[in-house]
Each structure stands twice: as structure tokens, then as C-alpha cells.
């Protein structure tokens, strides 16, 4: 049995973001993301659905052209192929992301 702690060694990187895989099982990948406030916004258009939760901090995103402010505890579902950009993030923001491969957006 493998255990871990999402908050252990969760300091912000000097710049950008660090993506750390926690589990890959079947078509699901779970990762922890540690963010610096010094990021370079880049648009993501992914082939898989993604559910993301902001565990610590605040962030501003643009999702399909719409501005969205997230704060600690907020979560968001991003269907496959929906453009999204993290525009700004607070220092030390911590995310949990679940990538769902091999399914169409919104299906079970």
C-alpha cells in the first residue's frame, strides 16, 4: 500500500509550475501541481478531460475565452479540447489535477 501527503514538500518552485504525478491507473492520471507566482501564461488544449482543485492559494484563469477567479477550495471541470490558460496565481498555490483519458467529455 502506498501513502503520501499532498502538503509535504509543497513549497513553490522559483518560477513556473512543477507537475508531479501521484497515480496512474487505467485511464486516470492524478497529479499535484506546485505554482510560483512567477509563471508565463500559456494556453493548454488537452485531448483528455481534466478535473482540477485549488487546494491552496488563488488563481485567475481564462477558460474558453471567459475569465474565472479561483480561490482555495474551488474546483473546476475542463472538458477535452477546451482552451484554458492560467493567467496569474498566488505564490505557493497548490493544485490537485485528475486527467481522465479515453472518454468523451461529460460521459460516464
PDB file of N, CA and C in Angstrom:
ATOM      1  N   UNK A   1       0.849  -1.173   0.000  1.00  0.00           N
ATOM      2  CA  UNK A   1       0.000   0.000   0.000  1.00  0.00           C
ATOM      3  C   UNK A   1       0.895   1.237   0.000  1.00  0.00           C
ATOM      4  N   UNK A   2       0.577   2.182  -0.876  1.00  0.00           N
ATOM      5  CA  UNK A   2       1.361   3.410  -0.989  1.00  0.00           C
ATOM      6  C   UNK A   2       0.565   4.568  -0.393  1.00  0.00           C
ATOM      7  N   UNK A   3       1.209   5.338   0.492  1.00  0.00           N
ATOM      8  CA  UNK A   3       0.557   6.513   1.076  1.00  0.00           C
ATOM      9  C   UNK A   3       1.407   7.738   0.796  1.00  0.00           C
ATOM     10  N   UNK A   4       0.834   8.889   0.996  1.00  0.00           N
ATOM     11  CA  UNK A   4       1.552  10.144   0.786  1.00  0.00           C
ATOM     12  C   UNK A   4       0.799  11.272   1.444  1.00  0.00           C
ATOM     13  N   UNK A   5       1.361  12.466   1.358  1.00  0.00           N
ATOM     14  CA  UNK A   5       0.733  13.653   1.918  1.00  0.00           C
ATOM     15  C   UNK A   5       0.848  14.768   0.891  1.00  0.00           C
ATOM     16  N   UNK A   6      -0.283  15.331   0.494  1.00  0.00           N
ATOM     17  CA  UNK A   6      -0.303  16.366  -0.541  1.00  0.00           C
ATOM     18  C   UNK A   6       0.443  17.628  -0.132  1.00  0.00           C
ATOM     19  N   UNK A   7       0.530  17.884   1.172  1.00  0.00           N
ATOM     20  CA  UNK A   7       1.134  19.128   1.647  1.00  0.00           C
ATOM     21  C   UNK A   7       2.617  18.984   1.999  1.00  0.00           C
ATOM     22  N   UNK A   8       3.135  17.768   2.045  1.00  0.00           N
ATOM     23  CA  UNK A   8       4.546  17.542   2.360  1.00  0.00           C
ATOM     24  C   UNK A   8       5.414  17.999   1.184  1.00  0.00           C
ATOM     25  N   UNK A   9       6.463  18.782   1.473  1.00  0.00           N
ATOM     26  CA  UNK A   9       7.363  19.284   0.428  1.00  0.00           C
ATOM     27  C   UNK A   9       6.598  19.989  -0.688  1.00  0.00           C
ATOM     28  N   UNK A  10       5.687  20.875  -0.301  1.00  0.00           N
ATOM     29  CA  UNK A  10       4.822  21.534  -1.285  1.00  0.00           C
ATOM     30  C   UNK A  10       5.205  22.988  -1.531  1.00  0.00           C
ATOM     31  N   UNK A  11       6.452  23.336  -1.263  1.00  0.00           N
ATOM     32  CA  UNK A  11       6.906  24.707  -1.473  1.00  0.00           C
ATOM     33  C   UNK A  11       6.812  25.080  -2.956  1.00  0.00           C
ATOM     34  N   UNK A  12       6.661  26.374  -3.182  1.00  0.00           N
ATOM     35  CA  UNK A  12       6.605  26.874  -4.558  1.00  0.00           C
ATOM     36  C   UNK A  12       7.967  26.739  -5.229  1.00  0.00           C
ATOM     37  N   UNK A  13       7.977  26.435  -6.510  1.00  0.00           N
ATOM     38  CA  UNK A  13       9.240  26.474  -7.246  1.00  0.00           C
ATOM     39  C   UNK A  13       9.673  27.937  -7.433  1.00  0.00           C
ATOM     40  N   UNK A  14      10.901  28.161  -7.831  1.00  0.00           N
ATOM     41  CA  UNK A  14      11.388  29.537  -8.040  1.00  0.00           C
ATOM     42  C   UNK A  14      10.586  30.252  -9.123  1.00  0.00           C
ATOM     43  N   UNK A  15      10.285  29.538 -10.206  1.00  0.00           N
ATOM     44  CA  UNK A  15       9.471  30.089 -11.290  1.00  0.00           C
ATOM     45  C   UNK A  15       8.601  28.977 -11.849  1.00  0.00           C
ATOM     46  N   UNK A  16       7.540  29.377 -12.514  1.00  0.00           N
ATOM     47  CA  UNK A  16       6.704  28.414 -13.222  1.00  0.00           C
ATOM     48  C   UNK A  16       5.928  27.468 -12.325  1.00  0.00           C
ATOM     49  N   UNK A  17       5.714  26.285 -12.855  1.00  0.00           N
ATOM     50  CA  UNK A  17       4.948  25.265 -12.149  1.00  0.00           C
ATOM     51  C   UNK A  17       5.683  23.931 -12.217  1.00  0.00           C
ATOM     52  N   UNK A  18       5.463  23.092 -11.200  1.00  0.00           N
ATOM     53  CA  UNK A  18       6.021  21.750 -11.162  1.00  0.00           C
ATOM     54  C   UNK A  18       4.852  20.773 -11.143  1.00  0.00           C
ATOM     55  N   UNK A  19       4.840  19.834 -12.091  1.00  0.00           N
ATOM     56  CA  UNK A  19       3.786  18.832 -12.221  1.00  0.00           C
ATOM     57  C   UNK A  19       4.336  17.511 -11.695  1.00  0.00           C
ATOM     58  N   UNK A  20       3.691  16.965 -10.662  1.00  0.00           N
ATOM     59  CA  UNK A  20       4.184  15.751 -10.021  1.00  0.00           C
ATOM     60  C   UNK A  20       3.120  14.655 -10.080  1.00  0.00           C
ATOM     61  N   UNK A  21       3.336  13.625 -10.900  1.00  0.00           N
ATOM     62  CA  UNK A  21       2.375  12.522 -10.964  1.00  0.00           C
ATOM     63  C   UNK A  21       2.294  11.792  -9.624  1.00  0.00           C
ATOM     64  N   UNK A  22       1.073  11.543  -9.159  1.00  0.00           N
ATOM     65  CA  UNK A  22       0.859  10.817  -7.914  1.00  0.00           C
ATOM     66  C   UNK A  22       0.341   9.405  -8.170  1.00  0.00           C
ATOM     67  N   UNK A  23      -0.466   9.252  -9.220  1.00  0.00           N
ATOM     68  CA  UNK A  23      -1.067   7.957  -9.518  1.00  0.00           C
ATOM     69  C   UNK A  23      -1.469   7.908 -10.979  1.00  0.00           C
ATOM     70  N   UNK A  24      -1.178   6.782 -11.616  1.00  0.00           N
ATOM     71  CA  UNK A  24      -1.682   6.499 -12.962  1.00  0.00           C
ATOM     72  C   UNK A  24      -2.334   5.124 -12.883  1.00  0.00           C
ATOM     73  N   UNK A  25      -3.622   5.071 -13.205  1.00  0.00           N
ATOM     74  CA  UNK A  25      -4.351   3.811 -13.103  1.00  0.00           C
ATOM     75  C   UNK A  25      -5.434   3.794 -14.175  1.00  0.00           C
ATOM     76  N   UNK A  26      -5.371   2.802 -15.040  1.00  0.00           N
ATOM     77  CA  UNK A  26      -6.320   2.766 -16.143  1.00  0.00           C
ATOM     78  C   UNK A  26      -6.188   4.028 -16.970  1.00  0.00           C
ATOM     79  N   UNK A  27      -7.286   4.702 -17.213  1.00  0.00           N
ATOM     80  CA  UNK A  27      -7.257   5.938 -17.988  1.00  0.00           C
ATOM     81  C   UNK A  27      -7.213   7.187 -17.140  1.00  0.00           C
ATOM     82  N   UNK A  28      -6.835   7.049 -15.864  1.00  0.00           N
ATOM     83  CA  UNK A  28      -6.817   8.198 -14.954  1.00  0.00           C
ATOM     84  C   UNK A  28      -5.388   8.494 -14.508  1.00  0.00           C
ATOM     85  N   UNK A  29      -5.018   9.767 -14.552  1.00  0.00           N
ATOM     86  CA  UNK A  29      -3.725  10.229 -14.029  1.00  0.00           C
ATOM     87  C   UNK A  29      -4.023  11.345 -13.035  1.00  0.00           C
ATOM     88  N   UNK A  30      -3.487  11.213 -11.822  1.00  0.00           N
ATOM     89  CA  UNK A  30      -3.657  12.232 -10.784  1.00  0.00           C
ATOM     90  C   UNK A  30      -2.296  12.865 -10.540  1.00  0.00           C
ATOM     91  N   UNK A  31      -2.273  14.195 -10.520  1.00  0.00           N
ATOM     92  CA  UNK A  31      -1.007  14.882 -10.286  1.00  0.00           C
ATOM     93  C   UNK A  31      -1.197  16.051  -9.340  1.00  0.00           C
ATOM     94  N   UNK A  32      -0.113  16.362  -8.642  1.00  0.00           N
ATOM     95  CA  UNK A  32      -0.046  17.554  -7.801  1.00  0.00           C
ATOM     96  C   UNK A  32       0.715  18.603  -8.597  1.00  0.00           C
ATOM     97  N   UNK A  33       0.231  19.843  -8.527  1.00  0.00           N
ATOM     98  CA  UNK A  33       0.888  20.942  -9.232  1.00  0.00           C
ATOM     99  C   UNK A  33       1.245  22.005  -8.203  1.00  0.00           C
ATOM    100  N   UNK A  34       2.539  22.359  -8.151  1.00  0.00           N
ATOM    101  CA  UNK A  34       3.026  23.431  -7.281  1.00  0.00           C
ATOM    102  C   UNK A  34       3.330  24.635  -8.155  1.00  0.00           C
ATOM    103  N   UNK A  35       2.796  25.815  -7.756  1.00  0.00           N
ATOM    104  CA  UNK A  35       2.932  27.005  -8.598  1.00  0.00           C
ATOM    105  C   UNK A  35       3.691  28.120  -7.905  1.00  0.00           C
ATOM    106  N   UNK A  36       4.517  28.793  -8.683  1.00  0.00           N
ATOM    107  CA  UNK A  36       5.142  30.043  -8.288  1.00  0.00           C
ATOM    108  C   UNK A  36       4.255  31.172  -8.809  1.00  0.00           C
ATOM    109  N   UNK A  37       4.323  32.311  -8.181  1.00  0.00           N
ATOM    110  CA  UNK A  37       3.583  33.460  -8.724  1.00  0.00           C
ATOM    111  C   UNK A  37       4.250  33.965  -9.999  1.00  0.00           C
ATOM    112  N   UNK A  38       5.467  33.520 -10.272  1.00  0.00           N
ATOM    113  CA  UNK A  38       6.197  33.922 -11.468  1.00  0.00           C
ATOM    114  C   UNK A  38       6.003  32.852 -12.556  1.00  0.00           C
ATOM    115  N   UNK A  39       4.836  32.924 -13.203  1.00  0.00           N
ATOM    116  CA  UNK A  39       4.534  31.992 -14.291  1.00  0.00           C
ATOM    117  C   UNK A  39       4.470  32.757 -15.601  1.00  0.00           C
ATOM    118  N   UNK A  40       4.651  32.036 -16.665  1.00  0.00           N
ATOM    119  CA  UNK A  40       4.457  32.592 -18.006  1.00  0.00           C
ATOM    120  C   UNK A  40       3.184  31.941 -18.542  1.00  0.00           C
ATOM    121  N   UNK A  41       2.105  32.716 -18.689  1.00  0.00           N
ATOM    122  CA  UNK A  41       0.853  32.125 -19.151  1.00  0.00           C
ATOM    123  C   UNK A  41       1.013  31.474 -20.523  1.00  0.00           C
ATOM    124  N   UNK A  42       0.493  30.271 -20.632  1.00  0.00           N
ATOM    125  CA  UNK A  42       0.482  29.550 -21.899  1.00  0.00           C
ATOM    126  C   UNK A  42      -0.833  28.815 -22.030  1.00  0.00           C
ATOM    127  N   UNK A  43      -1.395  28.804 -23.224  1.00  0.00           N
ATOM    128  CA  UNK A  43      -2.689  28.159 -23.429  1.00  0.00           C
ATOM    129  C   UNK A  43      -2.525  26.645 -23.519  1.00  0.00           C
ATOM    130  N   UNK A  44      -3.412  25.935 -22.827  1.00  0.00           N
ATOM    131  CA  UNK A  44      -3.473  24.475 -22.886  1.00  0.00           C
ATOM    132  C   UNK A  44      -4.728  24.080 -23.653  1.00  0.00           C
ATOM    133  N   UNK A  45      -4.579  23.120 -24.548  1.00  0.00           N
ATOM    134  CA  UNK A  45      -5.708  22.482 -25.216  1.00  0.00           C
ATOM    135  C   UNK A  45      -5.387  20.994 -25.168  1.00  0.00           C
ATOM    136  N   UNK A  46      -6.020  20.290 -24.242  1.00  0.00           N
ATOM    137  CA  UNK A  46      -5.671  18.901 -23.957  1.00  0.00           C
ATOM    138  C   UNK A  46      -6.647  17.942 -24.623  1.00  0.00           C
ATOM    139  N   UNK A  47      -6.175  16.763 -24.918  1.00  0.00           N
ATOM    140  CA  UNK A  47      -7.005  15.737 -25.542  1.00  0.00           C
ATOM    141  C   UNK A  47      -7.804  14.937 -24.520  1.00  0.00           C
ATOM    142  N   UNK A  48      -7.605  15.182 -23.234  1.00  0.00           N
ATOM    143  CA  UNK A  48      -8.326  14.464 -22.191  1.00  0.00           C
ATOM    144  C   UNK A  48      -9.101  15.447 -21.320  1.00  0.00           C
ATOM    145  N   UNK A  49     -10.160  14.930 -20.679  1.00  0.00           N
ATOM    146  CA  UNK A  49     -10.883  15.715 -19.684  1.00  0.00           C
ATOM    147  C   UNK A  49      -9.970  15.907 -18.476  1.00  0.00           C
ATOM    148  N   UNK A  50     -10.206  17.008 -17.752  1.00  0.00           N
ATOM    149  CA  UNK A  50      -9.417  17.275 -16.540  1.00  0.00           C
ATOM    150  C   UNK A  50     -10.326  17.894 -15.480  1.00  0.00           C
ATOM    151  N   UNK A  51     -10.203  17.388 -14.268  1.00  0.00           N
ATOM    152  CA  UNK A  51     -10.848  17.994 -13.101  1.00  0.00           C
ATOM    153  C   UNK A  51      -9.718  18.509 -12.226  1.00  0.00           C
ATOM    154  N   UNK A  52      -9.806  19.765 -11.815  1.00  0.00           N
ATOM    155  CA  UNK A  52      -8.732  20.370 -11.038  1.00  0.00           C
ATOM    156  C   UNK A  52      -9.318  21.038  -9.798  1.00  0.00           C
ATOM    157  N   UNK A  53      -8.604  20.914  -8.678  1.00  0.00           N
ATOM    158  CA  UNK A  53      -8.995  21.556  -7.424  1.00  0.00           C
ATOM    159  C   UNK A  53      -7.828  22.410  -6.940  1.00  0.00           C
ATOM    160  N   UNK A  54      -8.128  23.616  -6.500  1.00  0.00           N
ATOM    161  CA  UNK A  54      -7.121  24.501  -5.933  1.00  0.00           C
ATOM    162  C   UNK A  54      -7.116  24.277  -4.418  1.00  0.00           C
ATOM    163  N   UNK A  55      -6.089  23.610  -3.933  1.00  0.00           N
ATOM    164  CA  UNK A  55      -6.009  23.256  -2.521  1.00  0.00           C
ATOM    165  C   UNK A  55      -5.509  24.402  -1.650  1.00  0.00           C
ATOM    166  N   UNK A  56      -4.682  25.254  -2.252  1.00  0.00           N
ATOM    167  CA  UNK A  56      -4.107  26.388  -1.518  1.00  0.00           C
ATOM    168  C   UNK A  56      -3.866  27.519  -2.498  1.00  0.00           C
ATOM    169  N   UNK A  57      -4.229  28.743  -2.099  1.00  0.00           N
ATOM    170  CA  UNK A  57      -3.920  29.917  -2.903  1.00  0.00           C
ATOM    171  C   UNK A  57      -5.098  30.421  -3.716  1.00  0.00           C
ATOM    172  N   UNK A  58      -4.761  31.269  -4.685  1.00  0.00           N
ATOM    173  CA  UNK A  58      -5.736  31.881  -5.588  1.00  0.00           C
ATOM    174  C   UNK A  58      -5.168  31.855  -7.002  1.00  0.00           C
ATOM    175  N   UNK A  59      -6.070  31.881  -7.977  1.00  0.00           N
ATOM    176  CA  UNK A  59      -5.637  31.861  -9.374  1.00  0.00           C
ATOM    177  C   UNK A  59      -6.683  32.522 -10.255  1.00  0.00           C
ATOM    178  N   UNK A  60      -6.217  33.075 -11.364  1.00  0.00           N
ATOM    179  CA  UNK A  60      -7.098  33.617 -12.392  1.00  0.00           C
ATOM    180  C   UNK A  60      -6.830  32.843 -13.675  1.00  0.00           C
ATOM    181  N   UNK A  61      -7.894  32.315 -14.263  1.00  0.00           N
ATOM    182  CA  UNK A  61      -7.792  31.536 -15.487  1.00  0.00           C
ATOM    183  C   UNK A  61      -8.681  32.143 -16.556  1.00  0.00           C
ATOM    184  N   UNK A  62      -8.336  31.844 -17.799  1.00  0.00           N
ATOM    185  CA  UNK A  62      -9.219  32.124 -18.928  1.00  0.00           C
ATOM    186  C   UNK A  62      -9.596  30.752 -19.489  1.00  0.00           C
ATOM    187  N   UNK A  63     -10.888  30.451 -19.477  1.00  0.00           N
ATOM    188  CA  UNK A  63     -11.375  29.161 -19.961  1.00  0.00           C
ATOM    189  C   UNK A  63     -12.356  29.423 -21.092  1.00  0.00           C
ATOM    190  N   UNK A  64     -12.006  28.963 -22.284  1.00  0.00           N
ATOM    191  CA  UNK A  64     -12.845  29.172 -23.480  1.00  0.00           C
ATOM    192  C   UNK A  64     -13.214  30.644 -23.626  1.00  0.00           C
ATOM    193  N   UNK A  65     -12.246  31.541 -23.356  1.00  0.00           N
ATOM    194  CA  UNK A  65     -12.447  32.978 -23.522  1.00  0.00           C
ATOM    195  C   UNK A  65     -13.075  33.685 -22.337  1.00  0.00           C
ATOM    196  N   UNK A  66     -13.497  32.943 -21.317  1.00  0.00           N
ATOM    197  CA  UNK A  66     -14.148  33.530 -20.144  1.00  0.00           C
ATOM    198  C   UNK A  66     -13.174  33.594 -18.959  1.00  0.00           C
ATOM    199  N   UNK A  67     -13.147  34.727 -18.266  1.00  0.00           N
ATOM    200  CA  UNK A  67     -12.288  34.899 -17.098  1.00  0.00           C
ATOM    201  C   UNK A  67     -12.920  34.202 -15.894  1.00  0.00           C
ATOM    202  N   UNK A  68     -12.078  33.567 -15.096  1.00  0.00           N
ATOM    203  CA  UNK A  68     -12.556  32.818 -13.939  1.00  0.00           C
ATOM    204  C   UNK A  68     -11.568  32.993 -12.793  1.00  0.00           C
ATOM    205  N   UNK A  69     -12.058  33.420 -11.634  1.00  0.00           N
ATOM    206  CA  UNK A  69     -11.222  33.567 -10.437  1.00  0.00           C
ATOM    207  C   UNK A  69     -11.467  32.372  -9.532  1.00  0.00           C
ATOM    208  N   UNK A  70     -10.391  31.693  -9.145  1.00  0.00           N
ATOM    209  CA  UNK A  70     -10.482  30.559  -8.228  1.00  0.00           C
ATOM    210  C   UNK A  70      -9.804  30.931  -6.917  1.00  0.00           C
ATOM    211  N   UNK A  71     -10.355  30.418  -5.831  1.00  0.00           N
ATOM    212  CA  UNK A  71      -9.727  30.591  -4.524  1.00  0.00           C
ATOM    213  C   UNK A  71      -9.650  29.216  -3.863  1.00  0.00           C
ATOM    214  N   UNK A  72      -8.946  29.161  -2.782  1.00  0.00           N
ATOM    215  CA  UNK A  72      -8.726  27.917  -2.071  1.00  0.00           C
ATOM    216  C   UNK A  72     -10.031  27.137  -1.888  1.00  0.00           C
ATOM    217  N   UNK A  73     -10.011  25.874  -2.296  1.00  0.00           N
ATOM    218  CA  UNK A  73     -11.179  25.013  -2.170  1.00  0.00           C
ATOM    219  C   UNK A  73     -12.023  24.917  -3.420  1.00  0.00           C
ATOM    220  N   UNK A  74     -11.843  25.822  -4.370  1.00  0.00           N
ATOM    221  CA  UNK A  74     -12.620  25.774  -5.609  1.00  0.00           C
ATOM    222  C   UNK A  74     -12.125  24.642  -6.499  1.00  0.00           C
ATOM    223  N   UNK A  75     -13.047  24.072  -7.284  1.00  0.00           N
ATOM    224  CA  UNK A  75     -12.665  23.057  -8.261  1.00  0.00           C
ATOM    225  C   UNK A  75     -13.383  23.335  -9.569  1.00  0.00           C
ATOM    226  N   UNK A  76     -12.871  22.732 -10.625  1.00  0.00           N
ATOM    227  CA  UNK A  76     -13.315  23.055 -11.977  1.00  0.00           C
ATOM    228  C   UNK A  76     -13.157  21.833 -12.872  1.00  0.00           C
ATOM    229  N   UNK A  77     -14.148  21.580 -13.726  1.00  0.00           N
ATOM    230  CA  UNK A  77     -14.051  20.530 -14.735  1.00  0.00           C
ATOM    231  C   UNK A  77     -13.726  21.172 -16.075  1.00  0.00           C
ATOM    232  N   UNK A  78     -12.692  20.689 -16.722  1.00  0.00           N
ATOM    233  CA  UNK A  78     -12.259  21.191 -18.028  1.00  0.00           C
ATOM    234  C   UNK A  78     -12.416  20.068 -19.051  1.00  0.00           C
ATOM    235  N   UNK A  79     -13.457  20.119 -19.885  1.00  0.00           N
ATOM    236  CA  UNK A  79     -13.625  19.076 -20.899  1.00  0.00           C
ATOM    237  C   UNK A  79     -12.466  19.074 -21.897  1.00  0.00           C
ATOM    238  N   UNK A  80     -12.249  17.943 -22.503  1.00  0.00           N
ATOM    239  CA  UNK A  80     -11.209  17.808 -23.522  1.00  0.00           C
ATOM    240  C   UNK A  80     -11.376  18.877 -24.593  1.00  0.00           C
ATOM    241  N   UNK A  81     -10.254  19.371 -25.074  1.00  0.00           N
ATOM    242  CA  UNK A  81     -10.164  20.329 -26.182  1.00  0.00           C
ATOM    243  C   UNK A  81     -10.718  21.720 -25.883  1.00  0.00           C
ATOM    244  N   UNK A  82     -11.006  22.024 -24.625  1.00  0.00           N
ATOM    245  CA  UNK A  82     -11.432  23.378 -24.254  1.00  0.00           C
ATOM    246  C   UNK A  82     -10.178  24.178 -23.912  1.00  0.00           C
ATOM    247  N   UNK A  83      -9.894  25.266 -24.634  1.00  0.00           N
ATOM    248  CA  UNK A  83      -8.697  26.052 -24.356  1.00  0.00           C
ATOM    249  C   UNK A  83      -8.770  26.699 -22.973  1.00  0.00           C
ATOM    250  N   UNK A  84      -7.656  26.617 -22.241  1.00  0.00           N
ATOM    251  CA  UNK A  84      -7.592  27.257 -20.926  1.00  0.00           C
ATOM    252  C   UNK A  84      -6.167  27.715 -20.642  1.00  0.00           C
ATOM    253  N   UNK A  85      -6.084  28.835 -19.924  1.00  0.00           N
ATOM    254  CA  UNK A  85      -4.806  29.464 -19.607  1.00  0.00           C
ATOM    255  C   UNK A  85      -4.823  29.908 -18.152  1.00  0.00           C
ATOM    256  N   UNK A  86      -3.773  29.594 -17.410  1.00  0.00           N
ATOM    257  CA  UNK A  86      -3.599  30.144 -16.068  1.00  0.00           C
ATOM    258  C   UNK A  86      -2.907  31.490 -16.262  1.00  0.00           C
ATOM    259  N   UNK A  87      -3.630  32.569 -15.979  1.00  0.00           N
ATOM    260  CA  UNK A  87      -3.105  33.917 -16.205  1.00  0.00           C
ATOM    261  C   UNK A  87      -2.260  34.413 -15.035  1.00  0.00           C
ATOM    262  N   UNK A  88      -2.716  34.129 -13.821  1.00  0.00           N
ATOM    263  CA  UNK A  88      -1.949  34.518 -12.627  1.00  0.00           C
ATOM    264  C   UNK A  88      -2.287  33.559 -11.506  1.00  0.00           C
ATOM    265  N   UNK A  89      -1.354  33.449 -10.576  1.00  0.00           N
ATOM    266  CA  UNK A  89      -1.516  32.533  -9.456  1.00  0.00           C
ATOM    267  C   UNK A  89      -0.758  33.093  -8.260  1.00  0.00           C
ATOM    268  N   UNK A  90      -1.261  32.858  -7.066  1.00  0.00           N
ATOM    269  CA  UNK A  90      -0.565  33.330  -5.869  1.00  0.00           C
ATOM    270  C   UNK A  90       0.645  32.437  -5.590  1.00  0.00           C
ATOM    271  N   UNK A  91       1.628  33.010  -4.929  1.00  0.00           N
ATOM    272  CA  UNK A  91       2.851  32.276  -4.584  1.00  0.00           C
ATOM    273  C   UNK A  91       2.501  31.074  -3.719  1.00  0.00           C
ATOM    274  N   UNK A  92       2.994  29.911  -4.118  1.00  0.00           N
ATOM    275  CA  UNK A  92       2.780  28.694  -3.339  1.00  0.00           C
ATOM    276  C   UNK A  92       1.438  28.027  -3.563  1.00  0.00           C
ATOM    277  N   UNK A  93       0.727  28.419  -4.608  1.00  0.00           N
ATOM    278  CA  UNK A  93      -0.549  27.761  -4.896  1.00  0.00           C
ATOM    279  C   UNK A  93      -0.308  26.267  -5.104  1.00  0.00           C
ATOM    280  N   UNK A  94      -1.267  25.479  -4.641  1.00  0.00           N
ATOM    281  CA  UNK A  94      -1.154  24.027  -4.726  1.00  0.00           C
ATOM    282  C   UNK A  94      -2.433  23.471  -5.332  1.00  0.00           C
ATOM    283  N   UNK A  95      -2.280  22.653  -6.357  1.00  0.00           N
ATOM    284  CA  UNK A  95      -3.402  22.117  -7.117  1.00  0.00           C
ATOM    285  C   UNK A  95      -3.392  20.589  -7.054  1.00  0.00           C
ATOM    286  N   UNK A  96      -4.577  20.015  -7.243  1.00  0.00           N
ATOM    287  CA  UNK A  96      -4.715  18.585  -7.481  1.00  0.00           C
ATOM    288  C   UNK A  96      -5.457  18.448  -8.809  1.00  0.00           C
ATOM    289  N   UNK A  97      -4.852  17.747  -9.752  1.00  0.00           N
ATOM    290  CA  UNK A  97      -5.446  17.588 -11.078  1.00  0.00           C
ATOM    291  C   UNK A  97      -5.704  16.114 -11.360  1.00  0.00           C
ATOM    292  N   UNK A  98      -6.866  15.831 -11.910  1.00  0.00           N
ATOM    293  CA  UNK A  98      -7.226  14.469 -12.303  1.00  0.00           C
ATOM    294  C   UNK A  98      -7.489  14.497 -13.804  1.00  0.00           C
ATOM    295  N   UNK A  99      -6.651  13.785 -14.557  1.00  0.00           N
ATOM    296  CA  UNK A  99      -6.786  13.695 -16.009  1.00  0.00           C
ATOM    297  C   UNK A  99      -7.495  12.386 -16.340  1.00  0.00           C
ATOM    298  N   UNK A 100      -8.541  12.480 -17.167  1.00  0.00           N
ATOM    299  CA  UNK A 100      -9.357  11.324 -17.499  1.00  0.00           C
ATOM    300  C   UNK A 100      -9.190  11.052 -18.992  1.00  0.00           C
ATOM    301  N   UNK A 101      -8.416  10.030 -19.307  1.00  0.00           N
ATOM    302  CA  UNK A 101      -8.110   9.685 -20.695  1.00  0.00           C
ATOM    303  C   UNK A 101      -9.107   8.659 -21.225  1.00  0.00           C
ATOM    304  N   UNK A 102      -9.393   8.756 -22.527  1.00  0.00           N
ATOM    305  CA  UNK A 102     -10.153   7.708 -23.193  1.00  0.00           C
ATOM    306  C   UNK A 102     -11.653   7.811 -23.045  1.00  0.00           C
ATOM    307  N   UNK A 103     -12.153   8.974 -22.627  1.00  0.00           N
ATOM    308  CA  UNK A 103     -13.598   9.164 -22.516  1.00  0.00           C
ATOM    309  C   UNK A 103     -13.952  10.472 -23.196  1.00  0.00           C
ATOM    310  N   UNK A 104     -15.142  10.540 -23.723  1.00  0.00           N
ATOM    311  CA  UNK A 104     -15.617  11.809 -24.290  1.00  0.00           C
ATOM    312  C   UNK A 104     -16.069  12.706 -23.172  1.00  0.00           C
ATOM    313  N   UNK A 105     -15.971  13.991 -23.380  1.00  0.00           N
ATOM    314  CA  UNK A 105     -16.346  14.967 -22.363  1.00  0.00           C
ATOM    315  C   UNK A 105     -17.760  14.720 -21.868  1.00  0.00           C
ATOM    316  N   UNK A 106     -17.880  14.639 -20.536  1.00  0.00           N
ATOM    317  CA  UNK A 106     -19.185  14.555 -19.899  1.00  0.00           C
ATOM    318  C   UNK A 106     -19.840  13.169 -19.939  1.00  0.00           C
ATOM    319  N   UNK A 107     -19.136  12.130 -20.389  1.00  0.00           N
ATOM    320  CA  UNK A 107     -19.735  10.792 -20.407  1.00  0.00           C
ATOM    321  C   UNK A 107     -19.239   9.980 -19.233  1.00  0.00           C
ATOM    322  N   UNK A 108     -19.957   8.933 -18.912  1.00  0.00           N
ATOM    323  CA  UNK A 108     -19.558   8.037 -17.818  1.00  0.00           C
ATOM    324  C   UNK A 108     -19.189   6.686 -18.354  1.00  0.00           C
TER     325      UNK A 108
END
